[in-house]
Protein backbone atom coordinates (compact mmCIF):
# COMPACT_ATOMS: atom_id res chain seq x y z
CA MET A 1 34.67 9.28 -15.97
CA ILE A 2 35.93 7.41 -12.90
CA SER A 3 33.29 6.12 -10.47
CA GLU A 4 33.94 5.21 -6.85
CA LEU A 5 31.74 3.89 -4.07
CA VAL A 6 32.43 4.86 -0.45
CA VAL A 7 30.60 3.05 2.34
CA ASP A 8 30.63 4.34 5.93
CA VAL A 9 29.34 1.67 8.34
CA GLN A 10 28.38 3.02 11.77
CA PRO A 11 26.50 1.33 14.64
CA GLN A 12 23.34 3.36 13.97
CA GLU A 13 23.38 3.76 10.18
CA ILE A 14 25.14 3.01 6.91
CA THR A 15 26.03 5.85 4.53
CA ILE A 16 26.75 5.08 0.88
CA ALA A 17 28.26 7.73 -1.37
CA VAL A 18 28.77 7.46 -5.13
CA LEU A 19 31.55 9.63 -6.55
CA GLU A 20 32.10 10.46 -10.22
CA ASP A 21 35.49 12.06 -10.81
CA LYS A 22 35.62 12.76 -7.03
CA LYS A 23 32.28 14.64 -7.20
CA LEU A 24 29.45 13.41 -4.96
CA VAL A 25 26.52 12.41 -7.19
CA GLU A 26 24.50 10.00 -5.06
CA LEU A 27 24.07 9.60 -1.33
CA GLN A 28 22.06 7.01 0.59
CA GLN A 29 21.67 6.64 4.32
CA GLU A 30 19.92 3.73 5.98
CA ALA A 31 19.38 3.02 9.66
CA GLN A 32 20.96 -0.27 10.73
CA GLU A 33 17.73 -1.40 12.34
CA GLY A 34 15.67 -0.10 9.41
CA SER A 35 13.10 -2.39 7.84
CA PHE A 36 10.32 -2.13 5.25
CA ALA A 37 12.83 -1.69 2.43
CA VAL A 38 11.70 -1.90 -1.18
CA GLY A 39 11.72 -5.56 -2.24
CA ASN A 40 10.96 -7.07 1.18
CA ILE A 41 8.25 -9.75 1.05
CA TYR A 42 5.71 -10.22 3.84
CA VAL A 43 2.75 -12.32 4.75
CA GLY A 44 0.30 -9.54 5.58
CA LYS A 45 -3.20 -9.50 7.03
CA VAL A 46 -5.97 -7.43 5.46
CA LYS A 47 -7.16 -4.93 8.08
CA LYS A 48 -9.62 -2.74 6.16
CA LEU A 49 -11.22 -2.55 2.71
CA MET A 50 -11.76 0.83 1.08
CA PRO A 51 -14.21 0.29 -1.84
CA ALA A 52 -14.27 4.03 -2.63
CA LEU A 53 -10.51 3.89 -3.29
CA ASN A 54 -10.67 0.34 -4.67
CA ALA A 55 -7.89 -0.47 -2.23
CA ALA A 56 -7.13 -2.17 1.07
CA PHE A 57 -5.01 -1.47 4.13
CA VAL A 58 -2.79 -4.39 5.10
CA ASN A 59 -0.92 -5.03 8.35
CA VAL A 60 2.71 -5.96 7.62
CA GLY A 61 4.05 -4.97 11.05
CA HIS A 62 4.58 -1.25 10.41
CA LYS A 63 3.05 1.29 12.81
CA LYS A 64 0.93 2.48 9.87
CA ASP A 65 -1.00 -0.10 7.84
CA ALA A 66 0.35 -0.50 4.31
CA PHE A 67 -1.65 0.52 1.24
CA LEU A 68 -2.56 -1.98 -1.51
CA HIS A 69 -4.53 -0.82 -4.57
CA TYR A 70 -6.53 -3.20 -6.74
CA LEU A 71 -4.28 -2.45 -9.74
CA ASP A 72 -1.27 -3.56 -7.66
CA LEU A 73 -2.70 -7.03 -7.08
CA GLY A 74 -1.21 -8.15 -10.40
CA VAL A 75 -2.89 -10.27 -13.05
CA GLU A 76 -1.58 -13.45 -11.39
CA PHE A 77 -3.23 -12.76 -8.02
CA ASN A 78 -5.65 -15.70 -8.38
CA SER A 79 -2.71 -18.06 -8.86
CA ILE A 80 -0.91 -16.69 -5.78
CA SER A 81 -4.11 -17.04 -3.69
CA TYR A 82 -4.56 -20.63 -4.90
CA PHE A 83 -0.92 -21.35 -4.04
CA GLN A 84 -1.37 -19.97 -0.50
CA LYS A 85 -4.58 -22.00 -0.06
CA GLN A 86 -2.69 -25.16 -1.00
CA VAL A 87 -0.04 -24.34 1.61
CA GLU A 88 -2.66 -23.71 4.32
CA ASP A 89 -4.56 -26.94 3.57
CA LYS A 90 -1.61 -29.31 3.14
CA LYS A 91 1.00 -27.53 5.32
CA LYS A 92 3.59 -28.06 2.63
CA ILE A 93 4.86 -26.16 -0.38
CA PRO A 94 3.48 -27.29 -3.77
CA GLN A 95 5.88 -27.29 -6.72
CA LEU A 96 5.19 -24.19 -8.78
CA GLN A 97 6.35 -25.80 -12.02
CA LYS A 98 3.68 -28.53 -11.69
CA MET A 99 0.89 -26.17 -10.65
CA LYS A 100 -1.88 -25.13 -13.01
CA LEU A 101 -2.03 -21.34 -13.21
CA GLN A 102 -5.40 -19.72 -12.54
CA PRO A 103 -7.10 -17.18 -14.86
CA GLY A 104 -5.89 -13.59 -14.47
CA ILE A 105 -7.96 -11.02 -12.61
CA GLU A 106 -10.05 -8.40 -14.43
CA LYS A 107 -8.52 -4.97 -14.99
CA GLU A 108 -11.70 -3.18 -13.93
CA GLY A 109 -12.51 -5.43 -10.97
CA SER A 110 -13.30 -4.53 -7.38
CA ILE A 111 -11.06 -4.98 -4.35
CA SER A 112 -14.06 -6.28 -2.36
CA ASP A 113 -14.38 -9.23 -4.75
CA MET A 114 -10.74 -10.23 -4.29
CA LEU A 115 -10.03 -9.69 -0.59
CA LYS A 116 -11.78 -9.94 2.74
CA VAL A 117 -10.88 -8.56 6.16
CA GLY A 118 -8.61 -10.94 8.07
CA GLN A 119 -7.30 -12.66 4.93
CA GLU A 120 -3.58 -13.42 4.82
CA ILE A 121 -1.87 -12.45 1.57
CA LEU A 122 1.64 -12.48 0.15
CA VAL A 123 2.80 -8.91 -0.56
CA GLN A 124 5.99 -7.03 -1.42
CA ILE A 125 7.08 -3.49 -0.49
CA ALA A 126 6.87 -1.24 -3.59
CA LYS A 127 7.50 2.07 -1.78
CA GLU A 128 9.03 2.67 1.62
CA PRO A 129 7.07 4.56 4.32
CA ILE A 130 7.23 8.29 3.51
CA SER A 131 6.31 11.01 6.00
CA THR A 132 3.06 9.98 7.72
CA LYS A 133 2.22 7.32 5.14
CA GLY A 134 2.75 3.59 5.55
CA PRO A 135 4.46 1.41 2.94
CA ARG A 136 2.96 0.96 -0.53
CA LEU A 137 2.46 -2.69 -1.48
CA THR A 138 2.21 -4.88 -4.54
CA ALA A 139 1.00 -8.47 -4.67
CA GLU A 140 3.03 -9.11 -7.83
CA ILE A 141 6.04 -10.80 -6.26
CA SER A 142 9.39 -10.35 -7.99
CA PHE A 143 13.10 -10.98 -7.37
CA ALA A 144 15.56 -8.56 -8.95
CA GLY A 145 18.96 -9.61 -10.22
CA ARG A 146 21.60 -7.77 -12.19
CA PHE A 147 20.48 -9.10 -15.58
CA MET A 148 16.82 -9.94 -15.01
CA VAL A 149 13.79 -9.79 -12.74
CA LEU A 150 12.05 -13.07 -11.91
CA ILE A 151 8.25 -13.05 -11.47
CA PRO A 152 6.63 -16.30 -10.29
CA PHE A 153 3.14 -17.37 -11.47
CA ILE A 154 3.30 -15.95 -15.01
CA GLU A 155 4.74 -17.19 -18.30
CA ARG A 156 5.59 -13.84 -19.88
CA VAL A 157 9.11 -12.88 -21.00
CA SER A 158 9.72 -9.20 -21.77
CA VAL A 159 12.81 -7.19 -22.66
CA SER A 160 13.87 -3.72 -21.48
CA GLN A 161 12.97 -1.03 -23.99
CA LYS A 162 16.44 0.46 -23.53
CA ILE A 163 17.85 -2.45 -25.56
CA LYS A 164 17.35 -0.98 -29.03
CA SER A 165 18.73 -3.74 -31.26
CA ARG A 166 15.95 -5.95 -32.67
CA GLU A 167 18.33 -8.86 -33.11
CA GLU A 168 19.56 -8.63 -29.51
CA ARG A 169 16.02 -8.36 -28.13
CA ALA A 170 14.98 -11.43 -30.09
CA ARG A 171 18.11 -13.34 -29.01
CA LEU A 172 17.55 -12.62 -25.34
CA ARG A 173 13.84 -13.41 -25.44
CA GLN A 174 14.42 -16.72 -27.22
CA LEU A 175 17.31 -17.62 -24.92
CA ILE A 176 15.36 -16.99 -21.72
CA GLN A 177 12.31 -18.81 -23.06
CA SER A 178 14.47 -21.87 -23.63
CA ILE A 179 16.06 -21.99 -20.15
CA LYS A 180 13.44 -20.63 -17.74
CA PRO A 181 11.31 -23.09 -15.71
CA LYS A 182 7.57 -23.36 -16.33
CA ASN A 183 5.28 -20.86 -14.55
CA TYR A 184 8.01 -18.27 -14.09
CA GLY A 185 8.05 -14.91 -15.89
CA VAL A 186 11.18 -12.87 -16.61
CA ILE A 187 11.87 -9.22 -17.33
CA ILE A 188 15.23 -8.93 -19.07
CA ARG A 189 17.15 -5.86 -17.86
CA THR A 190 19.41 -3.57 -19.89
CA ASN A 191 22.54 -5.06 -18.28
CA ALA A 192 21.78 -8.39 -20.00
CA GLU A 193 22.64 -6.96 -23.41
CA GLY A 194 25.44 -8.98 -24.99
CA LYS A 195 25.68 -11.46 -22.10
CA ARG A 196 26.33 -15.15 -22.69
CA VAL A 197 23.85 -17.90 -21.92
CA ALA A 198 26.00 -19.24 -19.05
CA GLU A 199 25.86 -15.90 -17.17
CA LEU A 200 22.12 -15.52 -17.68
CA ASP A 201 21.40 -19.14 -16.75
CA ALA A 202 23.46 -18.88 -13.53
CA GLU A 203 21.54 -15.80 -12.38
CA LEU A 204 18.17 -17.28 -13.35
CA LYS A 205 18.88 -20.39 -11.27
CA SER A 206 19.97 -18.28 -8.29
CA LEU A 207 16.74 -16.22 -8.44
CA VAL A 208 14.58 -19.36 -8.67
CA LYS A 209 16.41 -20.80 -5.68
CA LYS A 210 15.84 -17.54 -3.78
CA TRP A 211 12.10 -17.88 -4.36
CA GLU A 212 12.04 -21.56 -3.37
CA ASP A 213 14.12 -21.00 -0.21
CA ASN A 214 11.98 -18.13 1.05
CA VAL A 215 8.54 -19.42 0.10
CA GLY A 216 9.41 -22.51 2.14
CA LYS A 217 8.87 -20.38 5.26
CA LEU A 218 5.14 -19.96 4.58
CA PRO A 219 3.82 -22.95 6.61
CA LYS A 220 5.81 -21.81 9.68
CA VAL A 221 4.82 -18.14 9.91
CA LYS A 222 1.78 -16.21 11.04
CA ALA A 223 0.86 -12.81 9.64
CA PRO A 224 2.28 -10.24 9.81
CA ALA A 225 5.64 -11.83 9.09
CA LEU A 226 8.71 -11.09 6.98
CA ILE A 227 9.63 -14.01 4.74
CA PHE A 228 12.20 -12.38 2.46
CA GLU A 229 14.48 -9.45 3.22
CA GLU A 230 16.04 -7.58 0.33
CA THR A 231 19.83 -7.66 0.13
CA GLY A 232 21.72 -5.12 2.22
CA ARG A 233 21.53 -1.53 1.02
CA THR A 234 25.14 -1.61 -0.16
CA VAL A 235 24.68 -4.71 -2.31
CA SER A 236 21.25 -3.55 -3.50
CA LEU A 237 22.59 -0.19 -4.71
CA LEU A 238 25.63 -1.86 -6.22
CA ARG A 239 23.42 -4.29 -8.13
CA ASP A 240 21.63 -1.41 -9.85
CA ILE A 241 24.54 0.91 -10.60
CA PHE A 242 27.59 -1.33 -10.94
CA ASN A 243 29.45 -0.85 -14.21
CA PRO A 244 33.00 -1.38 -15.48
CA SER A 245 33.89 2.25 -14.74
CA PHE A 246 34.04 1.53 -11.00
CA GLU A 247 37.68 1.92 -10.03
CA GLN A 248 37.41 1.49 -6.26
CA ILE A 249 34.85 0.49 -3.64
CA HIS A 250 36.01 1.66 -0.21
CA ILE A 251 34.33 0.20 2.90
CA ASN A 252 35.32 0.80 6.53
CA ASP A 253 33.78 -2.42 7.87
CA LYS A 254 35.37 -5.85 7.46
CA ASP A 255 32.12 -7.86 7.28
CA VAL A 256 30.39 -5.53 4.79
CA ALA A 257 33.55 -5.41 2.67
CA LYS A 258 33.58 -9.20 2.54
CA GLN A 259 29.89 -9.31 1.60
CA VAL A 260 30.36 -6.80 -1.22
CA ALA A 261 33.54 -8.52 -2.45
CA GLU A 262 31.64 -11.83 -2.71
CA TYR A 263 28.87 -10.16 -4.69
CA VAL A 264 31.27 -8.39 -7.06
CA SER A 265 33.26 -11.59 -7.66
CA LEU A 266 29.97 -13.29 -8.57
CA ILE A 267 28.73 -10.70 -11.09
CA ALA A 268 32.07 -9.41 -12.41
CA PRO A 269 35.00 -11.70 -11.51
CA ASP A 270 37.49 -9.44 -13.30
CA LYS A 271 36.57 -6.53 -10.96
CA LYS A 272 36.75 -8.39 -7.65
CA ASN A 273 39.90 -6.52 -6.61
CA VAL A 274 38.19 -3.11 -6.66
CA VAL A 275 36.74 -3.72 -3.17
CA LYS A 276 39.05 -2.28 -0.52
CA GLN A 277 38.66 -2.21 3.25
CA TYR A 278 39.45 1.27 4.55
CA THR A 279 41.62 1.24 7.67
CA GLY A 280 42.78 4.86 7.89
CA ASP A 281 42.59 6.97 11.04
CA LEU A 282 40.49 9.76 9.53
CA PRO A 283 36.72 9.11 9.25
CA ILE A 284 36.19 7.59 5.82
CA LEU A 285 33.85 10.35 4.60
CA ASP A 286 36.37 13.02 5.64
CA ASN A 287 39.20 11.17 3.95
CA PHE A 288 37.46 11.23 0.56
CA GLY A 289 36.25 14.82 0.89
CA ILE A 290 32.60 13.78 1.14
CA THR A 291 31.70 15.50 4.43
CA LYS A 292 32.57 18.90 3.01
CA GLN A 293 30.58 18.23 -0.16
CA ILE A 294 27.56 17.13 1.85
CA LYS A 295 27.60 20.34 3.89
CA SER A 296 27.73 22.49 0.75
CA LEU A 297 25.43 20.51 -1.54
CA PHE A 298 22.51 19.92 0.84
CA ALA A 299 22.08 23.54 1.92
CA LYS A 300 18.96 25.55 1.09
CA THR A 301 21.10 27.78 -1.16
CA VAL A 302 23.35 25.99 -3.65
CA THR A 303 25.93 27.89 -5.67
CA VAL A 304 26.31 27.44 -9.41
CA LYS A 305 29.17 28.56 -11.65
CA ASN A 306 29.72 32.22 -12.52
CA GLY A 307 28.00 33.58 -9.42
CA ALA A 308 24.55 32.10 -10.05
CA TYR A 309 22.79 30.13 -7.33
CA LEU A 310 19.73 27.95 -6.62
CA ILE A 311 17.27 28.18 -3.75
CA ILE A 312 15.70 24.78 -3.02
CA GLN A 313 12.64 24.45 -0.80
CA THR A 314 10.43 21.46 -0.07
CA THR A 315 6.74 21.42 0.88
CA GLU A 316 4.42 18.51 1.58
CA ALA A 317 3.05 18.71 -1.99
CA LEU A 318 6.08 19.52 -4.13
CA HIS A 319 9.67 20.74 -4.42
CA VAL A 320 10.39 24.27 -5.62
CA ILE A 321 13.69 25.41 -7.15
CA ASP A 322 14.36 29.08 -7.89
CA VAL A 323 17.19 29.98 -10.29
CA ASN A 324 18.98 33.28 -9.59
CA SER A 325 21.65 34.93 -11.75
CA GLY A 326 23.53 36.45 -8.79
CA ILE A 327 26.19 39.07 -9.45
CA ARG A 328 26.83 39.15 -13.19
CA ASN A 329 27.86 42.76 -13.80
CA LYS A 330 31.03 41.64 -15.57
CA SER A 331 29.10 39.69 -18.19
CA LYS A 332 29.29 41.23 -21.67
CA LEU A 333 26.37 39.16 -22.91
CA GLU A 334 22.98 40.65 -23.64
CA GLN A 335 20.17 39.89 -21.22
CA GLU A 336 18.66 37.08 -23.33
CA GLU A 337 22.01 35.31 -23.91
CA SER A 338 22.97 35.83 -20.28
CA ALA A 339 19.69 34.26 -19.12
CA LEU A 340 20.28 31.27 -21.39
CA GLU A 341 23.82 30.79 -20.09
CA VAL A 342 22.69 30.88 -16.44
CA ASN A 343 19.75 28.56 -17.10
CA LEU A 344 21.93 25.97 -18.85
CA LEU A 345 24.41 26.00 -15.96
CA ALA A 346 21.55 25.78 -13.46
CA ALA A 347 20.01 22.84 -15.34
CA GLU A 348 23.25 20.88 -14.88
CA GLU A 349 23.24 21.48 -11.11
CA ILE A 350 19.49 20.81 -10.81
CA ALA A 351 19.85 17.38 -12.48
CA HIS A 352 22.71 16.71 -10.05
CA GLN A 353 20.62 17.80 -7.04
CA LEU A 354 17.57 15.71 -8.00
CA ARG A 355 19.72 12.59 -8.11
CA LEU A 356 21.77 13.48 -5.05
CA ARG A 357 18.81 14.31 -2.78
CA ASP A 358 16.63 11.63 -4.39
CA MET A 359 13.84 14.19 -4.75
CA GLY A 360 10.58 12.63 -5.92
CA GLY A 361 7.06 13.67 -6.78
CA ILE A 362 6.48 17.07 -8.41
CA ILE A 363 9.40 19.47 -8.92
CA VAL A 364 8.71 23.03 -10.14
CA ILE A 365 11.69 25.05 -11.42
CA ASP A 366 11.53 28.82 -11.85
CA PHE A 367 14.15 29.54 -14.50
CA ILE A 368 15.20 33.05 -15.50
CA ASP A 369 12.75 34.37 -18.11
CA MET A 370 13.70 33.90 -21.78
CA ASN A 371 11.70 35.31 -24.68
CA LYS A 372 13.11 33.36 -27.62
CA GLY A 373 11.44 30.04 -28.39
CA GLU A 374 14.77 28.73 -29.67
CA HIS A 375 16.39 29.29 -26.27
CA ARG A 376 13.47 27.74 -24.39
CA GLY A 377 13.69 24.66 -26.59
CA LYS A 378 17.45 24.46 -26.08
CA LEU A 379 16.97 24.51 -22.29
CA LEU A 380 14.38 21.72 -22.46
CA ALA A 381 16.65 19.58 -24.65
CA ARG A 382 19.58 20.14 -22.28
CA MET A 383 17.49 19.17 -19.26
CA GLN A 384 16.30 15.99 -20.99
CA GLU A 385 19.89 15.12 -21.89
CA LEU A 386 21.10 15.64 -18.32
CA MET A 387 18.25 13.61 -16.84
CA SER A 388 18.74 10.71 -19.27
CA GLN A 389 21.31 9.20 -16.87
CA ASP A 390 18.86 9.29 -13.95
CA ARG A 391 17.75 5.76 -12.98
CA ALA A 392 14.46 7.03 -11.51
CA ARG A 393 11.53 7.27 -13.92
CA HIS A 394 10.73 10.89 -14.74
CA ASN A 395 8.82 13.17 -17.07
CA ILE A 396 9.83 16.70 -18.09
CA LEU A 397 7.37 19.29 -19.42
CA PRO A 398 8.39 22.29 -21.59
CA LEU A 399 8.60 25.74 -20.02
CA SER A 400 5.21 27.29 -19.34
CA LYS A 401 4.37 30.87 -20.36
CA PHE A 402 5.40 31.87 -16.84
CA GLY A 403 8.90 30.41 -17.35
CA LEU A 404 8.25 27.40 -15.07
CA MET A 405 9.45 23.89 -15.85
CA GLN A 406 7.59 20.98 -14.25
CA ILE A 407 9.22 17.62 -13.63
CA THR A 408 7.73 14.50 -12.11
CA ARG A 409 10.24 12.02 -10.71
CA GLN A 410 9.63 8.58 -9.29
CA ARG A 411 9.39 8.58 -5.51
CA VAL A 412 10.30 5.21 -3.99
CA ARG A 413 12.14 6.28 -0.84
CA PRO A 414 11.92 9.36 1.36
CA GLU A 415 13.88 12.37 0.12
CA MET A 416 17.44 12.52 1.40
CA LYS A 417 17.66 15.31 3.96
CA ILE A 418 20.91 16.41 5.57
CA ALA A 419 21.09 19.05 8.28
CA THR A 420 23.63 21.62 7.09
CA SER A 421 23.17 23.98 10.04
CA GLU A 422 24.58 22.94 13.39
CA VAL A 423 23.34 23.41 16.93
CA CYS A 424 25.91 25.39 18.89
CA PRO A 425 28.29 22.69 20.14
CA THR A 426 29.10 24.58 23.30
CA CYS A 427 25.54 25.01 24.59
CA ASP A 428 23.45 22.51 22.58
CA GLY A 429 21.09 25.37 21.74
CA ASN A 430 20.09 26.25 25.31
CA GLY A 431 22.34 29.28 25.87
CA LYS A 432 24.37 27.65 28.65
CA ILE A 433 27.97 26.86 27.82
CA LYS A 434 31.12 25.49 29.30
CA SER A 435 33.97 27.94 29.40
CA SER A 436 36.25 27.20 26.43
CA ILE A 437 39.36 27.93 28.50
CA PHE A 438 38.67 24.77 30.49
CA PHE A 439 38.12 22.52 27.43
CA THR A 440 41.61 21.04 27.44
CA ASP A 441 41.21 20.42 31.18
CA THR A 442 38.03 18.48 30.41
CA LEU A 443 39.87 16.38 27.84
CA GLU A 444 42.68 15.66 30.28
CA GLU A 445 40.17 14.58 32.94
CA LYS A 446 38.64 12.11 30.50
CA ILE A 447 42.05 10.74 29.55
CA ASP A 448 42.91 10.35 33.23
CA TYR A 449 39.63 8.50 33.82
CA LEU A 450 40.24 6.19 30.83
CA ALA A 451 43.82 5.38 31.82
CA ASN A 452 43.51 5.03 35.59
CA LYS A 453 39.91 3.98 36.18
CA LEU A 454 38.96 2.02 33.06
CA LYS A 455 42.56 0.85 32.39
CA VAL A 456 42.25 1.70 28.69
CA LYS A 457 45.72 2.45 27.36
CA LYS A 458 45.19 2.53 23.60
CA PHE A 459 42.50 4.75 22.11
CA SER A 460 41.82 7.62 19.70
CA LEU A 461 40.34 11.03 20.41
CA HIS A 462 38.19 12.60 17.66
CA ILE A 463 37.99 16.39 17.89
CA HIS A 464 37.37 19.35 15.59
CA PRO A 465 40.29 19.98 13.17
CA TYR A 466 41.04 23.41 14.73
CA VAL A 467 41.24 21.91 18.22
CA ALA A 468 43.30 18.99 16.88
CA ALA A 469 45.80 21.46 15.43
CA TYR A 470 46.10 23.18 18.84
CA VAL A 471 46.47 19.93 20.80
CA THR A 472 49.16 18.54 18.45
CA LYS A 473 51.07 21.80 17.96
CA GLY A 474 54.74 21.11 18.50
CA TRP A 475 56.04 17.58 18.76
CA PHE A 476 57.62 16.78 22.10
CA SER A 477 56.01 19.78 23.77
CA SER A 478 52.47 19.29 22.41
CA LEU A 479 49.55 18.60 24.76
CA LYS A 480 49.09 15.24 23.07
CA SER A 481 52.67 14.18 23.86
CA LYS A 482 52.43 15.45 27.45
CA TRP A 483 49.21 13.51 28.05
CA ASN A 484 50.63 10.32 26.52
CA ARG A 485 53.71 10.50 28.80
CA LYS A 486 51.82 11.58 31.93
CA TYR A 487 49.16 8.87 31.78
CA GLY A 488 51.13 6.14 30.00
CA VAL A 489 48.72 5.87 27.10
CA ALA A 490 49.02 5.53 23.33
CA MET A 491 46.50 8.10 22.16
CA LYS A 492 45.83 9.16 18.57
CA ILE A 493 44.33 12.56 17.77
CA VAL A 494 41.92 12.37 14.81
CA PRO A 495 40.55 15.58 13.23
CA ASP A 496 36.84 15.04 12.55
CA GLN A 497 34.93 17.56 10.43
CA LYS A 498 31.54 16.37 11.71
CA LEU A 499 32.26 17.57 15.25
CA GLY A 500 31.69 21.05 16.64
CA CYS A 501 34.51 23.13 18.08
CA LEU A 502 34.10 21.86 21.66
CA GLN A 503 32.83 18.36 20.92
CA TYR A 504 34.87 15.20 21.39
CA VAL A 505 34.46 11.43 20.99
CA PHE A 506 36.74 8.67 22.30
CA TYR A 507 37.15 5.36 20.41
CA ASP A 508 38.89 2.20 21.61
CA LYS A 509 41.48 0.31 19.56
CA ASP A 510 38.68 -1.60 17.76
CA LYS A 511 37.08 1.73 16.75
CA HIS A 512 34.11 1.32 19.08
CA GLU A 513 32.90 4.51 20.74
CA ILE A 514 33.64 4.88 24.46
CA ASP A 515 30.73 6.68 26.10
CA LEU A 516 32.19 9.42 28.32
CA LYS A 517 29.52 12.11 27.97
CA ASP A 518 29.74 14.94 30.46
CA ASP A 519 26.20 16.01 31.38
CA GLU A 520 27.23 18.80 33.69
CA ILE A 521 26.57 22.28 32.25
CA VAL A 522 28.36 25.28 33.67
CA GLU A 523 26.59 28.57 33.18
CA VAL A 524 28.92 31.40 32.24
CA LYS A 525 27.62 34.88 33.21
């Protein structure tokens, strides 16, 4: 299996697509100005205690106060509070390695005994804001690397359960115990299996330095304040999923490409050449066939092989997936075998959709009814096998007597939602349109304005592929050639699948959008 990463950097957002054998399997979109990402560390101020919930609401700068439960304080909360008190009193950062750790907090304690309104505390985002809810917090501060997670204020070293070898688990635990500084805990990740001491030591030192550099901001800030921002979404995702099967990482932005190349050269020097800056004329997502896949895969109805299809609907409480056999008159299988075949095919697409849309919480799947216990067990085993590659924590229950399968899947970020229906590009949904016969006249007016008023001579025009084919039809006699000669410009026509039939966007030679929106609407009667 060949894996590729495609990164589309736009002024408003960054889109990251993971391809496996050219098939879209993971998609992430993040606003450029977005904040409150998982891993960010803040100095927050306690706004309200909720004894009934054994929790508190904390102001970290979000429009909704963040939620912090007592169980998310972490056993080392007393040590963190003592550390902060030392900073407040002495206005300098004490050395963690020389500090005496405080006793851990009780598991069955009360939030009212640990916090008070107005108190400033060090917290980390555990879950991003979802829907109307604010961020979910933890007071157990950690720094994630590729091979390990560093947790200040504890002495524990633990190893990922996915490392099965007893000898390897013992080797890693003993190795980390021997090189880690005092008063730092470490969780050894699966990627550390088989790694040499030099690689592990280098990452451990970089994580300790990250903590020391960022905690040094404490005396200078006032709550609510951000003191550590998680690495960019591209690097963060790459850190979790990078493996030797990555053949190419394509990025259409020079700065982001450089940032990713530096990270890859650090964690896998032999793979540093896989990072490529994309400089083609076509939008990067169109070039790799991702736009088309997004439109088909994020629809309410998703087709499966052999005519079957899924209907996916989302409510506030849960996600519901209905499996339908579709037109299967040509099948020579009996009803029971036919149902099993469709269900197994549907399970493959459902596992793909859960990962692609990043669906979290409760998922209920209505499979086609099967009477044989053997077939029901086979479907469960297949679903567990398909979901084993999912990085999100999940739990799968056997089929109920109603033929329903229930899955819970970790929800850390909001579900990925892509609009697959389009507002009419000619009227923007209001029923008033510009006459299509005048569309090329509109384009020519804009080109005239660019060339003669703004003195822009080199630019590209993004239009729908059908319109692009019409404008470039012929060579010397095409509209494109006529406009270039008439106005003395060097214009490129770029087919863009994201645009509607009568939409257009101009870009300058540096690929920055030129705002030439025409607000006038002509009513056609």
